[in-house]
Amino acid sequence: MSESSKRLLSLLMVLGAQSPEKALGSEELAAKLGVGTSEVEDELKRLVDGGYAVSIGKSGASKVYLTGTGVITASSTYS
């Protein structure tokens, strides 16, 4: 897993994006990370494809939240 993916997982965890109600969009995440939206969108796709996150909503307006696997992986970066 890339460092960018780890940072994004950690950010989702810290911001509490662990349920559909708490899902976050790429623009908000990009602003918090200080990177471009397209970079975040690419990393989010990898996280979703890897089973670490779930995407909800329409394409272009989707938001993501962590799966159980994503929560465990994000938590393990702190131990």
PDB file of N, CA and C in Angstrom:
ATOM      1  N   MET A   1       0.849  -1.175   0.000  1.00  0.00           N
ATOM      2  CA  MET A   1       0.000   0.000   0.000  1.00  0.00           C
ATOM      3  C   MET A   1       0.897   1.241   0.000  1.00  0.00           C
ATOM      4  N   SER A   2       0.554   2.200  -0.839  1.00  0.00           N
ATOM      5  CA  SER A   2       1.351   3.415  -0.960  1.00  0.00           C
ATOM      6  C   SER A   2       1.204   4.308   0.275  1.00  0.00           C
ATOM      7  N   GLU A   3       2.150   5.200   0.438  1.00  0.00           N
ATOM      8  CA  GLU A   3       2.090   6.156   1.552  1.00  0.00           C
ATOM      9  C   GLU A   3       0.866   7.057   1.410  1.00  0.00           C
ATOM     10  N   SER A   4       0.517   7.412   0.183  1.00  0.00           N
ATOM     11  CA  SER A   4      -0.667   8.246  -0.048  1.00  0.00           C
ATOM     12  C   SER A   4      -1.935   7.540   0.401  1.00  0.00           C
ATOM     13  N   SER A   5      -2.022   6.256   0.110  1.00  0.00           N
ATOM     14  CA  SER A   5      -3.189   5.476   0.539  1.00  0.00           C
ATOM     15  C   SER A   5      -3.254   5.388   2.059  1.00  0.00           C
ATOM     16  N   LYS A   6      -2.093   5.195   2.686  1.00  0.00           N
ATOM     17  CA  LYS A   6      -2.052   5.122   4.149  1.00  0.00           C
ATOM     18  C   LYS A   6      -2.487   6.444   4.774  1.00  0.00           C
ATOM     19  N   ARG A   7      -2.013   7.547   4.208  1.00  0.00           N
ATOM     20  CA  ARG A   7      -2.413   8.874   4.723  1.00  0.00           C
ATOM     21  C   ARG A   7      -3.910   9.081   4.586  1.00  0.00           C
ATOM     22  N   LEU A   8      -4.450   8.665   3.454  1.00  0.00           N
ATOM     23  CA  LEU A   8      -5.880   8.828   3.215  1.00  0.00           C
ATOM     24  C   LEU A   8      -6.696   7.941   4.152  1.00  0.00           C
ATOM     25  N   LEU A   9      -6.264   6.700   4.343  1.00  0.00           N
ATOM     26  CA  LEU A   9      -6.937   5.810   5.299  1.00  0.00           C
ATOM     27  C   LEU A   9      -6.930   6.416   6.692  1.00  0.00           C
ATOM     28  N   SER A  10      -5.787   6.910   7.103  1.00  0.00           N
ATOM     29  CA  SER A  10      -5.666   7.517   8.430  1.00  0.00           C
ATOM     30  C   SER A  10      -6.575   8.730   8.567  1.00  0.00           C
ATOM     31  N   LEU A  11      -6.626   9.563   7.532  1.00  0.00           N
ATOM     32  CA  LEU A  11      -7.483  10.740   7.570  1.00  0.00           C
ATOM     33  C   LEU A  11      -8.954  10.349   7.683  1.00  0.00           C
ATOM     34  N   LEU A  12      -9.372   9.372   6.893  1.00  0.00           N
ATOM     35  CA  LEU A  12     -10.754   8.902   6.976  1.00  0.00           C
ATOM     36  C   LEU A  12     -11.068   8.406   8.387  1.00  0.00           C
ATOM     37  N   MET A  13     -10.125   7.718   8.996  1.00  0.00           N
ATOM     38  CA  MET A  13     -10.303   7.196  10.352  1.00  0.00           C
ATOM     39  C   MET A  13     -10.423   8.342  11.360  1.00  0.00           C
ATOM     40  N   VAL A  14      -9.502   9.278  11.289  1.00  0.00           N
ATOM     41  CA  VAL A  14      -9.482  10.408  12.229  1.00  0.00           C
ATOM     42  C   VAL A  14     -10.750  11.257  12.096  1.00  0.00           C
ATOM     43  N   LEU A  15     -11.234  11.416  10.882  1.00  0.00           N
ATOM     44  CA  LEU A  15     -12.433  12.219  10.649  1.00  0.00           C
ATOM     45  C   LEU A  15     -13.726  11.443  10.922  1.00  0.00           C
ATOM     46  N   GLY A  16     -13.602  10.169  11.271  1.00  0.00           N
ATOM     47  CA  GLY A  16     -14.772   9.379  11.651  1.00  0.00           C
ATOM     48  C   GLY A  16     -15.606   8.861  10.497  1.00  0.00           C
ATOM     49  N   ALA A  17     -15.033   8.760   9.314  1.00  0.00           N
ATOM     50  CA  ALA A  17     -15.766   8.273   8.138  1.00  0.00           C
ATOM     51  C   ALA A  17     -15.845   6.747   8.177  1.00  0.00           C
ATOM     52  N   GLN A  18     -16.697   6.255   9.073  1.00  0.00           N
ATOM     53  CA  GLN A  18     -16.802   4.814   9.290  1.00  0.00           C
ATOM     54  C   GLN A  18     -18.219   4.294   9.079  1.00  0.00           C
ATOM     55  N   SER A  19     -19.066   5.124   8.481  1.00  0.00           N
ATOM     56  CA  SER A  19     -20.432   4.711   8.169  1.00  0.00           C
ATOM     57  C   SER A  19     -20.945   5.581   7.027  1.00  0.00           C
ATOM     58  N   PRO A  20     -22.009   5.138   6.347  1.00  0.00           N
ATOM     59  CA  PRO A  20     -22.528   5.945   5.234  1.00  0.00           C
ATOM     60  C   PRO A  20     -22.895   7.371   5.649  1.00  0.00           C
ATOM     61  N   GLU A  21     -23.369   7.533   6.859  1.00  0.00           N
ATOM     62  CA  GLU A  21     -23.769   8.862   7.332  1.00  0.00           C
ATOM     63  C   GLU A  21     -22.575   9.796   7.510  1.00  0.00           C
ATOM     64  N   LYS A  22     -21.398   9.240   7.686  1.00  0.00           N
ATOM     65  CA  LYS A  22     -20.191  10.031   7.928  1.00  0.00           C
ATOM     66  C   LYS A  22     -19.256  10.056   6.707  1.00  0.00           C
ATOM     67  N   ALA A  23     -19.734   9.553   5.569  1.00  0.00           N
ATOM     68  CA  ALA A  23     -18.916   9.483   4.354  1.00  0.00           C
ATOM     69  C   ALA A  23     -18.441  10.876   3.941  1.00  0.00           C
ATOM     70  N   LEU A  24     -17.258  10.924   3.349  1.00  0.00           N
ATOM     71  CA  LEU A  24     -16.640  12.185   2.937  1.00  0.00           C
ATOM     72  C   LEU A  24     -16.318  12.174   1.447  1.00  0.00           C
ATOM     73  N   GLY A  25     -16.341  13.353   0.848  1.00  0.00           N
ATOM     74  CA  GLY A  25     -16.047  13.491  -0.570  1.00  0.00           C
ATOM     75  C   GLY A  25     -14.587  13.816  -0.845  1.00  0.00           C
ATOM     76  N   SER A  26     -14.184  13.631  -2.079  1.00  0.00           N
ATOM     77  CA  SER A  26     -12.787  13.827  -2.466  1.00  0.00           C
ATOM     78  C   SER A  26     -12.335  15.277  -2.320  1.00  0.00           C
ATOM     79  N   GLU A  27     -13.215  16.239  -2.557  1.00  0.00           N
ATOM     80  CA  GLU A  27     -12.817  17.641  -2.435  1.00  0.00           C
ATOM     81  C   GLU A  27     -12.451  17.984  -0.996  1.00  0.00           C
ATOM     82  N   GLU A  28     -13.262  17.547  -0.061  1.00  0.00           N
ATOM     83  CA  GLU A  28     -12.978  17.804   1.355  1.00  0.00           C
ATOM     84  C   GLU A  28     -11.676  17.122   1.784  1.00  0.00           C
ATOM     85  N   LEU A  29     -11.502  15.884   1.360  1.00  0.00           N
ATOM     86  CA  LEU A  29     -10.289  15.145   1.719  1.00  0.00           C
ATOM     87  C   LEU A  29      -9.053  15.777   1.089  1.00  0.00           C
ATOM     88  N   ALA A  30      -9.165  16.203  -0.162  1.00  0.00           N
ATOM     89  CA  ALA A  30      -8.039  16.847  -0.839  1.00  0.00           C
ATOM     90  C   ALA A  30      -7.640  18.132  -0.121  1.00  0.00           C
ATOM     91  N   ALA A  31      -8.622  18.909   0.295  1.00  0.00           N
ATOM     92  CA  ALA A  31      -8.338  20.160   1.008  1.00  0.00           C
ATOM     93  C   ALA A  31      -7.606  19.883   2.321  1.00  0.00           C
ATOM     94  N   LYS A  32      -8.030  18.863   3.027  1.00  0.00           N
ATOM     95  CA  LYS A  32      -7.393  18.525   4.307  1.00  0.00           C
ATOM     96  C   LYS A  32      -5.971  18.007   4.116  1.00  0.00           C
ATOM     97  N   LEU A  33      -5.734  17.299   3.006  1.00  0.00           N
ATOM     98  CA  LEU A  33      -4.408  16.753   2.735  1.00  0.00           C
ATOM     99  C   LEU A  33      -3.493  17.744   2.006  1.00  0.00           C
ATOM    100  N   GLY A  34      -4.085  18.782   1.446  1.00  0.00           N
ATOM    101  CA  GLY A  34      -3.299  19.754   0.691  1.00  0.00           C
ATOM    102  C   GLY A  34      -2.807  19.225  -0.639  1.00  0.00           C
ATOM    103  N   VAL A  35      -3.617  18.380  -1.266  1.00  0.00           N
ATOM    104  CA  VAL A  35      -3.270  17.813  -2.578  1.00  0.00           C
ATOM    105  C   VAL A  35      -4.437  18.029  -3.539  1.00  0.00           C
ATOM    106  N   GLY A  36      -4.227  17.678  -4.786  1.00  0.00           N
ATOM    107  CA  GLY A  36      -5.268  17.834  -5.788  1.00  0.00           C
ATOM    108  C   GLY A  36      -6.387  16.815  -5.655  1.00  0.00           C
ATOM    109  N   THR A  37      -7.561  17.212  -6.075  1.00  0.00           N
ATOM    110  CA  THR A  37      -8.732  16.333  -6.012  1.00  0.00           C
ATOM    111  C   THR A  37      -8.536  15.073  -6.843  1.00  0.00           C
ATOM    112  N   SER A  38      -7.914  15.198  -8.011  1.00  0.00           N
ATOM    113  CA  SER A  38      -7.728  14.026  -8.876  1.00  0.00           C
ATOM    114  C   SER A  38      -6.811  13.001  -8.215  1.00  0.00           C
ATOM    115  N   GLU A  39      -5.799  13.473  -7.483  1.00  0.00           N
ATOM    116  CA  GLU A  39      -4.910  12.553  -6.769  1.00  0.00           C
ATOM    117  C   GLU A  39      -5.686  11.776  -5.700  1.00  0.00           C
ATOM    118  N   VAL A  40      -6.537  12.478  -4.972  1.00  0.00           N
ATOM    119  CA  VAL A  40      -7.352  11.824  -3.941  1.00  0.00           C
ATOM    120  C   VAL A  40      -8.321  10.843  -4.590  1.00  0.00           C
ATOM    121  N   GLU A  41      -8.934  11.225  -5.686  1.00  0.00           N
ATOM    122  CA  GLU A  41      -9.872  10.336  -6.363  1.00  0.00           C
ATOM    123  C   GLU A  41      -9.195   9.054  -6.823  1.00  0.00           C
ATOM    124  N   ASP A  42      -7.965   9.163  -7.325  1.00  0.00           N
ATOM    125  CA  ASP A  42      -7.217   7.971  -7.735  1.00  0.00           C
ATOM    126  C   ASP A  42      -6.954   7.059  -6.544  1.00  0.00           C
ATOM    127  N   GLU A  43      -6.528   7.637  -5.420  1.00  0.00           N
ATOM    128  CA  GLU A  43      -6.259   6.841  -4.217  1.00  0.00           C
ATOM    129  C   GLU A  43      -7.540   6.227  -3.662  1.00  0.00           C
ATOM    130  N   LEU A  44      -8.634   6.982  -3.694  1.00  0.00           N
ATOM    131  CA  LEU A  44      -9.908   6.445  -3.202  1.00  0.00           C
ATOM    132  C   LEU A  44     -10.349   5.252  -4.033  1.00  0.00           C
ATOM    133  N   LYS A  45     -10.138   5.335  -5.340  1.00  0.00           N
ATOM    134  CA  LYS A  45     -10.489   4.200  -6.203  1.00  0.00           C
ATOM    135  C   LYS A  45      -9.690   2.967  -5.797  1.00  0.00           C
ATOM    136  N   ARG A  46      -8.407   3.152  -5.516  1.00  0.00           N
ATOM    137  CA  ARG A  46      -7.579   2.020  -5.070  1.00  0.00           C
ATOM    138  C   ARG A  46      -8.089   1.459  -3.746  1.00  0.00           C
ATOM    139  N   LEU A  47      -8.464   2.339  -2.832  1.00  0.00           N
ATOM    140  CA  LEU A  47      -8.967   1.880  -1.535  1.00  0.00           C
ATOM    141  C   LEU A  47     -10.288   1.129  -1.682  1.00  0.00           C
ATOM    142  N   VAL A  48     -11.158   1.630  -2.539  1.00  0.00           N
ATOM    143  CA  VAL A  48     -12.440   0.950  -2.789  1.00  0.00           C
ATOM    144  C   VAL A  48     -12.182  -0.399  -3.464  1.00  0.00           C
ATOM    145  N   ASP A  49     -11.339  -0.414  -4.483  1.00  0.00           N
ATOM    146  CA  ASP A  49     -11.020  -1.660  -5.193  1.00  0.00           C
ATOM    147  C   ASP A  49     -10.378  -2.692  -4.263  1.00  0.00           C
ATOM    148  N   GLY A  50      -9.615  -2.213  -3.278  1.00  0.00           N
ATOM    149  CA  GLY A  50      -8.941  -3.109  -2.333  1.00  0.00           C
ATOM    150  C   GLY A  50      -9.809  -3.543  -1.166  1.00  0.00           C
ATOM    151  N   GLY A  51     -11.033  -3.024  -1.097  1.00  0.00           N
ATOM    152  CA  GLY A  51     -11.941  -3.406  -0.018  1.00  0.00           C
ATOM    153  C   GLY A  51     -11.758  -2.634   1.281  1.00  0.00           C
ATOM    154  N   TYR A  52     -11.000  -1.544   1.238  1.00  0.00           N
ATOM    155  CA  TYR A  52     -10.759  -0.732   2.430  1.00  0.00           C
ATOM    156  C   TYR A  52     -11.819   0.343   2.635  1.00  0.00           C
ATOM    157  N   ALA A  53     -12.531   0.690   1.573  1.00  0.00           N
ATOM    158  CA  ALA A  53     -13.540   1.740   1.630  1.00  0.00           C
ATOM    159  C   ALA A  53     -14.699   1.391   0.710  1.00  0.00           C
ATOM    160  N   VAL A  54     -15.826   2.052   0.956  1.00  0.00           N
ATOM    161  CA  VAL A  54     -17.025   1.881   0.137  1.00  0.00           C
ATOM    162  C   VAL A  54     -17.392   3.244  -0.429  1.00  0.00           C
ATOM    163  N   SER A  55     -17.732   3.277  -1.705  1.00  0.00           N
ATOM    164  CA  SER A  55     -18.158   4.504  -2.362  1.00  0.00           C
ATOM    165  C   SER A  55     -19.682   4.517  -2.444  1.00  0.00           C
ATOM    166  N   ILE A  56     -20.267   5.659  -2.089  1.00  0.00           N
ATOM    167  CA  ILE A  56     -21.726   5.800  -2.178  1.00  0.00           C
ATOM    168  C   ILE A  56     -22.049   7.061  -2.963  1.00  0.00           C
ATOM    169  N   GLY A  57     -23.179   7.095  -3.592  1.00  0.00           N
ATOM    170  CA  GLY A  57     -23.604   8.261  -4.351  1.00  0.00           C
ATOM    171  C   GLY A  57     -23.321   8.101  -5.822  1.00  0.00           C
ATOM    172  N   LYS A  58     -23.673   9.148  -6.540  1.00  0.00           N
ATOM    173  CA  LYS A  58     -23.480   9.165  -7.985  1.00  0.00           C
ATOM    174  C   LYS A  58     -22.017   9.381  -8.333  1.00  0.00           C
ATOM    175  N   SER A  59     -21.630   8.900  -9.484  1.00  0.00           N
ATOM    176  CA  SER A  59     -20.275   9.152  -9.987  1.00  0.00           C
ATOM    177  C   SER A  59     -20.071  10.659 -10.102  1.00  0.00           C
ATOM    178  N   GLY A  60     -18.938  11.125  -9.649  1.00  0.00           N
ATOM    179  CA  GLY A  60     -18.665  12.555  -9.674  1.00  0.00           C
ATOM    180  C   GLY A  60     -19.096  13.269  -8.410  1.00  0.00           C
ATOM    181  N   ALA A  61     -20.057  12.694  -7.692  1.00  0.00           N
ATOM    182  CA  ALA A  61     -20.512  13.290  -6.437  1.00  0.00           C
ATOM    183  C   ALA A  61     -20.457  12.252  -5.326  1.00  0.00           C
ATOM    184  N   SER A  62     -19.657  11.225  -5.540  1.00  0.00           N
ATOM    185  CA  SER A  62     -19.627  10.148  -4.560  1.00  0.00           C
ATOM    186  C   SER A  62     -18.832  10.534  -3.328  1.00  0.00           C
ATOM    187  N   LYS A  63     -19.129   9.829  -2.274  1.00  0.00           N
ATOM    188  CA  LYS A  63     -18.421   9.970  -1.010  1.00  0.00           C
ATOM    189  C   LYS A  63     -17.979   8.573  -0.596  1.00  0.00           C
ATOM    190  N   VAL A  64     -17.024   8.503   0.323  1.00  0.00           N
ATOM    191  CA  VAL A  64     -16.525   7.207   0.766  1.00  0.00           C
ATOM    192  C   VAL A  64     -16.505   7.127   2.283  1.00  0.00           C
ATOM    193  N   TYR A  65     -16.555   5.891   2.754  1.00  0.00           N
ATOM    194  CA  TYR A  65     -16.361   5.611   4.170  1.00  0.00           C
ATOM    195  C   TYR A  65     -15.601   4.299   4.287  1.00  0.00           C
ATOM    196  N   LEU A  66     -14.981   4.083   5.437  1.00  0.00           N
ATOM    197  CA  LEU A  66     -14.153   2.904   5.653  1.00  0.00           C
ATOM    198  C   LEU A  66     -14.974   1.643   5.883  1.00  0.00           C
ATOM    199  N   THR A  67     -14.484   0.535   5.383  1.00  0.00           N
ATOM    200  CA  THR A  67     -15.038  -0.780   5.708  1.00  0.00           C
ATOM    201  C   THR A  67     -14.374  -1.247   7.008  1.00  0.00           C
ATOM    202  N   GLY A  68     -14.782  -2.385   7.514  1.00  0.00           N
ATOM    203  CA  GLY A  68     -14.134  -2.960   8.686  1.00  0.00           C
ATOM    204  C   GLY A  68     -12.655  -3.181   8.434  1.00  0.00           C
ATOM    205  N   THR A  69     -12.326  -3.671   7.256  1.00  0.00           N
ATOM    206  CA  THR A  69     -10.922  -3.881   6.889  1.00  0.00           C
ATOM    207  C   THR A  69     -10.164  -2.560   6.876  1.00  0.00           C
ATOM    208  N   GLY A  70     -10.798  -1.526   6.358  1.00  0.00           N
ATOM    209  CA  GLY A  70     -10.170  -0.211   6.329  1.00  0.00           C
ATOM    210  C   GLY A  70      -9.921   0.342   7.722  1.00  0.00           C
ATOM    211  N   VAL A  71     -10.884   0.132   8.616  1.00  0.00           N
ATOM    212  CA  VAL A  71     -10.734   0.590  10.004  1.00  0.00           C
ATOM    213  C   VAL A  71      -9.564  -0.132  10.671  1.00  0.00           C
ATOM    214  N   ILE A  72      -9.513  -1.441  10.502  1.00  0.00           N
ATOM    215  CA  ILE A  72      -8.425  -2.226  11.110  1.00  0.00           C
ATOM    216  C   ILE A  72      -7.075  -1.800  10.542  1.00  0.00           C
ATOM    217  N   THR A  73      -7.006  -1.627   9.235  1.00  0.00           N
ATOM    218  CA  THR A  73      -5.751  -1.227   8.610  1.00  0.00           C
ATOM    219  C   THR A  73      -5.327   0.171   9.063  1.00  0.00           C
ATOM    220  N   ALA A  74      -6.272   1.096   9.094  1.00  0.00           N
ATOM    221  CA  ALA A  74      -5.958   2.444   9.554  1.00  0.00           C
ATOM    222  C   ALA A  74      -5.519   2.428  11.011  1.00  0.00           C
ATOM    223  N   SER A  75      -6.184   1.647  11.832  1.00  0.00           N
ATOM    224  CA  SER A  75      -5.832   1.561  13.251  1.00  0.00           C
ATOM    225  C   SER A  75      -4.448   0.975  13.455  1.00  0.00           C
ATOM    226  N   SER A  76      -4.062   0.040  12.608  1.00  0.00           N
ATOM    227  CA  SER A  76      -2.765  -0.602  12.762  1.00  0.00           C
ATOM    228  C   SER A  76      -1.600   0.333  12.493  1.00  0.00           C
ATOM    229  N   THR A  77      -1.861   1.448  11.799  1.00  0.00           N
ATOM    230  CA  THR A  77      -0.786   2.399  11.543  1.00  0.00           C
ATOM    231  C   THR A  77      -0.403   3.157  12.817  1.00  0.00           C
ATOM    232  N   TYR A  78      -1.257   3.087  13.828  1.00  0.00           N
ATOM    233  CA  TYR A  78      -0.989   3.797  15.086  1.00  0.00           C
ATOM    234  C   TYR A  78      -0.322   2.911  16.122  1.00  0.00           C
ATOM    235  N   SER A  79      -0.197   1.628  15.835  1.00  0.00           N
ATOM    236  CA  SER A  79       0.380   0.734  16.864  1.00  0.00           C
ATOM    237  C   SER A  79       1.823   0.405  16.579  1.00  0.00           C
TER     238      SER A  79
END
